[in-house]
Amino acid sequence: MVDSDERYTESETIEPGDVTVVVDTPFGKLGLAVCYDLRFPELFRRLVQKGANVILLPAAFTMQTGRDHWEVLLRARAIENLCWVVGVGQWGEAPPQHLCYGRSMVVNPWGLVVAQAPDGAVNVTAEIDLHSVQRVRARFPALDHVREDIFNF
């Protein structure tokens, strides 16, 4: 539990999008999400249902929410959807008086972190094996058992 009176209410000043975006790229279908979207698993499920094998999520998590939630949520979204998740975390100071957590990372379809940035402004690289998505989904076919009839997907 947070022992602070600080509130993060970007929803009061930022309008949400109204479409689910999956783009074709030379290396496959890429699902797009942004920062706060990470807290809504249904969006990630929809991206995967639209064909995404990799989901890209730029974000500016604060130091507090980043430390406690960033890795856990990125890994959960990868595990739930058996897809790659690339979280690009802003690092350093951001107005008004926030410190951003950073720690960009690449998570594989099994939920393992294959690359993670240390503190600071750095580049992170990782090899993304798109064939691993099909292998993991064949071995662990959880997506075949989604109950669209009761979950409105």
Protein backbone atom coordinates (compact mmCIF):
# COMPACT_ATOMS: atom_id res chain seq x y z
CA MET A 1 0.00 0.00 0.00
CA VAL A 2 1.20 3.47 -0.81
CA ASP A 3 2.01 5.57 2.26
CA SER A 4 1.66 8.87 0.46
CA ASP A 5 -1.00 11.41 -0.32
CA GLU A 6 0.34 11.80 -3.87
CA ARG A 7 -2.20 11.11 -6.59
CA TYR A 8 -1.61 10.42 -10.24
CA THR A 9 -4.69 11.42 -12.18
CA GLU A 10 -3.57 11.87 -15.76
CA SER A 11 -7.07 10.68 -16.71
CA GLU A 12 -8.26 14.16 -15.71
CA THR A 13 -6.12 15.86 -18.36
CA ILE A 14 -5.48 13.25 -21.08
CA GLU A 15 -8.17 11.91 -23.37
CA PRO A 16 -8.25 8.17 -23.97
CA GLY A 17 -8.01 6.73 -27.45
CA ASP A 18 -10.99 5.02 -29.03
CA VAL A 19 -9.40 2.40 -31.31
CA THR A 20 -7.30 -0.70 -30.83
CA VAL A 21 -4.20 -0.39 -33.03
CA VAL A 22 -2.30 -3.27 -34.61
CA VAL A 23 0.07 -2.38 -37.45
CA ASP A 24 1.72 -4.54 -40.07
CA THR A 25 5.49 -4.22 -40.03
CA PRO A 26 8.21 -5.99 -42.02
CA PHE A 27 8.72 -8.37 -39.07
CA GLY A 28 5.08 -9.03 -38.15
CA LYS A 29 2.03 -7.48 -36.49
CA LEU A 30 2.79 -4.98 -33.76
CA GLY A 31 0.19 -4.01 -31.15
CA LEU A 32 0.37 -0.49 -29.75
CA ALA A 33 -0.47 0.68 -26.24
CA VAL A 34 0.65 3.64 -24.12
CA CYS A 35 1.62 3.96 -20.43
CA TYR A 36 -1.60 3.77 -18.36
CA ASP A 37 -2.98 1.20 -20.84
CA LEU A 38 -0.75 -1.35 -19.11
CA ARG A 39 -3.31 -1.53 -16.30
CA PHE A 40 -6.08 -2.80 -18.61
CA PRO A 41 -5.51 -6.43 -19.59
CA GLU A 42 -8.54 -6.50 -21.87
CA LEU A 43 -6.79 -4.09 -24.27
CA PHE A 44 -3.83 -6.44 -24.59
CA ARG A 45 -6.12 -9.41 -25.19
CA ARG A 46 -7.83 -7.45 -27.97
CA LEU A 47 -4.46 -6.60 -29.57
CA VAL A 48 -3.53 -10.28 -29.62
CA GLN A 49 -6.93 -11.25 -31.00
CA LYS A 50 -6.25 -8.78 -33.83
CA GLY A 51 -3.02 -10.64 -34.61
CA ALA A 52 -0.31 -8.90 -32.56
CA ASN A 53 2.66 -11.09 -31.62
CA VAL A 54 4.61 -8.17 -30.15
CA ILE A 55 3.14 -5.30 -28.14
CA LEU A 56 5.02 -2.02 -27.86
CA LEU A 57 4.29 0.18 -24.85
CA PRO A 58 6.09 3.51 -24.33
CA ALA A 59 5.49 4.82 -20.81
CA ALA A 60 6.46 7.37 -18.18
CA PHE A 61 5.75 5.44 -14.99
CA THR A 62 6.67 7.42 -11.91
CA MET A 63 9.42 6.22 -9.60
CA GLN A 64 6.87 4.88 -7.12
CA THR A 65 4.50 3.13 -9.53
CA GLY A 66 7.42 1.94 -11.62
CA ARG A 67 9.23 0.35 -8.72
CA ASP A 68 6.13 -1.49 -7.53
CA HIS A 69 4.17 -2.21 -10.74
CA TRP A 70 6.17 -1.82 -13.99
CA GLU A 71 7.86 -5.22 -14.28
CA VAL A 72 4.97 -7.12 -12.72
CA LEU A 73 2.44 -5.70 -15.17
CA LEU A 74 4.65 -6.09 -18.25
CA ARG A 75 5.31 -9.72 -17.37
CA ALA A 76 1.63 -10.36 -16.64
CA ARG A 77 0.54 -8.97 -20.01
CA ALA A 78 3.12 -11.17 -21.80
CA ILE A 79 2.08 -14.28 -19.86
CA GLU A 80 -1.68 -13.70 -20.26
CA ASN A 81 -1.37 -13.24 -23.99
CA LEU A 82 1.61 -15.47 -24.79
CA CYS A 83 3.23 -12.65 -26.74
CA TRP A 84 6.30 -10.44 -26.61
CA VAL A 85 5.93 -7.18 -24.70
CA VAL A 86 8.38 -4.32 -25.15
CA GLY A 87 8.06 -1.68 -22.43
CA VAL A 88 9.92 1.53 -23.20
CA GLY A 89 10.23 3.46 -19.97
CA GLN A 90 11.11 7.14 -19.79
CA TRP A 91 13.82 7.81 -17.23
CA GLY A 92 14.64 10.96 -15.29
CA GLU A 93 12.80 14.13 -14.39
CA ALA A 94 9.50 15.01 -15.99
CA PRO A 95 7.33 17.99 -15.17
CA PRO A 96 5.59 18.65 -12.91
CA GLN A 97 8.07 17.41 -10.31
CA HIS A 98 7.94 13.72 -11.18
CA LEU A 99 10.77 11.27 -11.48
CA CYS A 100 10.25 8.64 -14.15
CA TYR A 101 11.29 5.08 -13.37
CA GLY A 102 12.77 4.03 -16.70
CA ARG A 103 13.85 0.38 -16.74
CA SER A 104 12.80 -0.37 -20.31
CA MET A 105 12.47 -4.09 -20.81
CA VAL A 106 11.68 -6.83 -23.27
CA VAL A 107 9.57 -9.73 -22.01
CA ASN A 108 9.13 -13.00 -23.90
CA PRO A 109 5.85 -14.93 -24.35
CA TRP A 110 6.62 -17.06 -21.29
CA GLY A 111 6.93 -13.92 -19.15
CA LEU A 112 10.71 -13.93 -18.78
CA VAL A 113 12.59 -10.65 -18.97
CA VAL A 114 15.16 -11.08 -21.75
CA ALA A 115 16.55 -7.53 -21.59
CA GLN A 116 16.26 -4.71 -19.09
CA ALA A 117 17.77 -1.24 -18.91
CA PRO A 118 19.67 -0.18 -15.82
CA ASP A 119 18.98 3.22 -14.29
CA GLY A 120 19.80 6.03 -16.67
CA ALA A 121 19.23 6.98 -20.27
CA VAL A 122 20.47 3.94 -22.17
CA ASN A 123 19.69 1.80 -25.20
CA VAL A 124 18.34 -1.71 -24.76
CA THR A 125 18.43 -4.36 -27.44
CA ALA A 126 17.05 -7.88 -27.57
CA GLU A 127 16.49 -10.49 -30.22
CA ILE A 128 12.78 -11.19 -30.63
CA ASP A 129 12.09 -14.65 -31.99
CA LEU A 130 8.61 -14.42 -33.49
CA HIS A 131 8.51 -18.19 -34.00
CA SER A 132 8.64 -18.57 -30.23
CA VAL A 133 5.12 -17.14 -30.04
CA GLN A 134 3.68 -20.03 -32.05
CA ARG A 135 5.78 -22.59 -30.14
CA VAL A 136 4.64 -21.32 -26.74
CA ARG A 137 1.02 -21.07 -27.84
CA ALA A 138 1.12 -24.64 -29.22
CA ARG A 139 2.59 -26.01 -25.97
CA PHE A 140 0.32 -23.93 -23.74
CA PRO A 141 -2.92 -23.26 -25.69
CA ALA A 142 -4.59 -20.97 -23.13
CA LEU A 143 -5.69 -18.49 -25.81
CA ASP A 144 -7.75 -21.27 -27.41
CA HIS A 145 -9.83 -21.43 -24.25
CA VAL A 146 -10.81 -17.77 -23.90
CA ARG A 147 -14.52 -17.60 -23.10
CA GLU A 148 -15.55 -14.89 -25.54
CA ASP A 149 -19.19 -15.83 -24.92
CA ILE A 150 -19.02 -14.57 -21.33
CA PHE A 151 -16.19 -12.02 -21.45
CA ASN A 152 -17.44 -9.93 -24.41
CA PHE A 153 -14.30 -10.14 -26.52
